[in-house]
Amino acid sequence: MAKSLLRFLIACGALLLCNTALASGSTMNVRIWVQGGCSFVTSGDLIMNFGNLSQGDVTITATTPISCSNGTQFHISLSNGLNPNGQQRQMAQQNGSGRLPYSLTATPESGVSTGSNIDILLTAKVLQADYQSRPIGQYSDTVILTVEP
């Protein structure tokens, strides 16, 4: 009987030690770094069409929205296009050698995002004095619009 009691006490002690050995606690930290970034909201090419020019200076506008992380400083840049003459943008005559100067601006050019979409207004202008002396025909250019944080 003493042996049975001794075995029982050893078994109970082992169970207590096992339960204590299995229980443990720890903490875990979870982190993330939100980086600033910007992108155009709509995909695809934006088309600005002056239409048929006959008289007067012509100004056209288009809007494209961008989205930036809250607090991100952004900057909009426009390339000089495919046919520049120095810093002057020019449209090239289709099936010809004519060039037609034009201006193009983006507003705002820079700022700080609040996390909401920002509409970028693009304004293009052709002067009558520039297009009246050009050969007739269609003219076009391709400009790369970039948004950077």
Protein backbone atom coordinates (compact mmCIF):
# COMPACT_ATOMS: atom_id res chain seq x y z
CA MET A 1 0.00 0.00 0.00
CA ALA A 2 2.84 2.38 0.78
CA LYS A 3 4.23 1.74 -2.70
CA SER A 4 0.87 2.61 -4.26
CA LEU A 5 0.65 5.83 -2.26
CA LEU A 6 4.20 6.75 -3.24
CA ARG A 7 3.42 6.11 -6.96
CA PHE A 8 0.28 8.24 -6.66
CA LEU A 9 2.18 11.15 -5.09
CA ILE A 10 4.94 10.95 -7.74
CA ALA A 11 2.32 10.94 -10.52
CA CYS A 12 0.53 13.96 -9.02
CA GLY A 13 3.81 15.83 -8.65
CA ALA A 14 4.75 15.09 -12.25
CA LEU A 15 1.39 16.41 -13.47
CA LEU A 16 1.88 19.63 -11.54
CA LEU A 17 5.37 20.08 -12.93
CA CYS A 18 4.18 19.37 -16.47
CA ASN A 19 1.36 21.90 -16.24
CA THR A 20 3.74 24.55 -14.95
CA ALA A 21 6.32 23.77 -17.62
CA LEU A 22 3.79 24.10 -20.47
CA ALA A 23 2.37 27.46 -19.44
CA SER A 24 4.27 30.51 -20.70
CA GLY A 25 3.50 34.01 -21.96
CA SER A 26 5.08 36.43 -24.40
CA THR A 27 4.32 39.71 -26.15
CA MET A 28 4.48 40.48 -29.86
CA ASN A 29 4.83 43.91 -31.49
CA VAL A 30 3.08 44.56 -34.81
CA ARG A 31 4.38 47.42 -36.98
CA ILE A 32 3.87 48.93 -40.41
CA TRP A 33 5.48 51.83 -42.22
CA VAL A 34 3.09 53.76 -44.49
CA GLN A 35 5.15 55.34 -47.23
CA GLY A 36 4.07 58.33 -49.25
CA GLY A 37 3.07 57.63 -52.81
CA CYS A 38 1.06 59.12 -55.66
CA SER A 39 -0.66 57.77 -58.74
CA PHE A 40 -3.08 58.81 -61.45
CA VAL A 41 -6.67 57.84 -60.60
CA THR A 42 -7.70 57.08 -64.19
CA SER A 43 -5.72 54.85 -66.49
CA GLY A 44 -5.17 55.33 -70.18
CA ASP A 45 -4.17 58.25 -72.32
CA LEU A 46 -5.54 61.75 -71.87
CA ILE A 47 -6.41 63.49 -75.16
CA MET A 48 -6.44 67.24 -75.63
CA ASN A 49 -7.86 68.26 -79.01
CA PHE A 50 -7.68 71.82 -80.35
CA GLY A 51 -10.10 70.92 -83.13
CA ASN A 52 -10.10 72.97 -86.34
CA LEU A 53 -8.18 76.23 -86.08
CA SER A 54 -9.18 79.17 -88.24
CA GLN A 55 -8.91 82.43 -86.27
CA GLY A 56 -7.64 83.70 -82.95
CA ASP A 57 -5.60 82.24 -80.15
CA VAL A 58 -7.05 78.95 -78.90
CA THR A 59 -6.88 77.67 -75.34
CA ILE A 60 -8.16 74.25 -74.24
CA THR A 61 -8.23 72.53 -70.86
CA ALA A 62 -8.48 69.01 -69.46
CA THR A 63 -8.52 67.64 -65.93
CA THR A 64 -6.91 64.48 -64.59
CA PRO A 65 -7.15 63.42 -60.93
CA ILE A 66 -4.24 62.12 -58.86
CA SER A 67 -4.29 60.30 -55.54
CA CYS A 68 -1.51 60.66 -52.95
CA SER A 69 -1.06 59.36 -49.41
CA ASN A 70 -2.11 61.82 -46.73
CA GLY A 71 0.71 64.26 -45.96
CA THR A 72 2.68 63.43 -49.12
CA GLN A 73 4.31 66.30 -50.97
CA PHE A 74 3.76 65.86 -54.72
CA HIS A 75 5.18 67.41 -57.87
CA ILE A 76 3.70 67.32 -61.39
CA SER A 77 6.04 67.46 -64.38
CA LEU A 78 5.41 67.59 -68.11
CA SER A 79 7.96 66.40 -70.67
CA ASN A 80 8.83 68.66 -73.60
CA GLY A 81 7.12 66.22 -75.97
CA LEU A 82 8.51 64.43 -79.00
CA ASN A 83 9.33 67.50 -81.13
CA PRO A 84 10.75 70.25 -78.91
CA ASN A 85 12.77 73.20 -80.12
CA GLY A 86 14.83 73.75 -76.98
CA GLN A 87 12.26 74.19 -74.21
CA GLN A 88 9.45 75.05 -76.67
CA ARG A 89 6.95 72.24 -77.23
CA GLN A 90 5.94 71.71 -80.85
CA MET A 91 3.35 69.56 -82.57
CA ALA A 92 4.62 67.80 -85.70
CA GLN A 93 2.68 67.86 -88.96
CA GLN A 94 1.35 64.46 -89.91
CA ASN A 95 2.86 63.44 -93.27
CA GLY A 96 4.89 66.64 -93.46
CA SER A 97 7.75 68.61 -91.96
CA GLY A 98 5.77 71.46 -90.38
CA ARG A 99 6.05 72.22 -86.66
CA LEU A 100 3.50 74.17 -84.60
CA PRO A 101 4.59 75.63 -81.23
CA TYR A 102 2.22 75.46 -78.27
CA SER A 103 2.27 75.95 -74.50
CA LEU A 104 1.15 73.46 -71.87
CA THR A 105 0.85 73.95 -68.11
CA ALA A 106 -0.37 71.93 -65.11
CA THR A 107 -2.08 73.48 -62.08
CA PRO A 108 -1.24 72.84 -59.30
CA GLU A 109 2.35 71.89 -60.08
CA SER A 110 3.00 70.82 -56.49
CA GLY A 111 1.45 70.65 -53.04
CA VAL A 112 0.77 68.47 -50.01
CA SER A 113 -1.98 65.86 -50.19
CA THR A 114 -4.74 65.54 -47.62
CA GLY A 115 -5.45 61.98 -48.78
CA SER A 116 -8.30 63.05 -51.10
CA ASN A 117 -8.08 63.07 -54.90
CA ILE A 118 -6.50 66.19 -56.40
CA ASP A 119 -7.67 67.47 -59.79
CA ILE A 120 -4.78 68.56 -62.01
CA LEU A 121 -5.88 71.17 -64.56
CA LEU A 122 -3.96 71.00 -67.85
CA THR A 123 -4.07 74.10 -70.05
CA ALA A 124 -2.79 74.12 -73.64
CA LYS A 125 -2.60 77.19 -75.88
CA VAL A 126 -1.85 77.80 -79.57
CA LEU A 127 -1.34 81.34 -80.85
CA GLN A 128 -2.93 82.48 -84.12
CA ALA A 129 0.37 84.07 -85.18
CA ASP A 130 1.99 80.61 -84.94
CA TYR A 131 -0.59 78.52 -86.78
CA GLN A 132 -1.51 80.98 -89.57
CA SER A 133 1.91 80.67 -91.15
CA ARG A 134 2.06 76.84 -90.95
CA PRO A 135 1.21 74.43 -93.75
CA ILE A 136 -2.31 73.02 -93.58
CA GLY A 137 -2.72 69.56 -92.13
CA GLN A 138 -2.99 67.71 -88.85
CA TYR A 139 -0.44 68.29 -86.09
CA SER A 140 0.13 66.29 -82.91
CA ASP A 141 2.57 65.67 -80.08
CA THR A 142 2.92 63.26 -77.17
CA VAL A 143 3.78 64.60 -73.71
CA ILE A 144 4.56 62.47 -70.67
CA LEU A 145 2.77 63.64 -67.53
CA THR A 146 4.46 62.50 -64.30
CA VAL A 147 3.46 62.74 -60.62
CA GLU A 148 6.17 62.20 -58.02
CA PRO A 149 6.05 62.17 -54.25
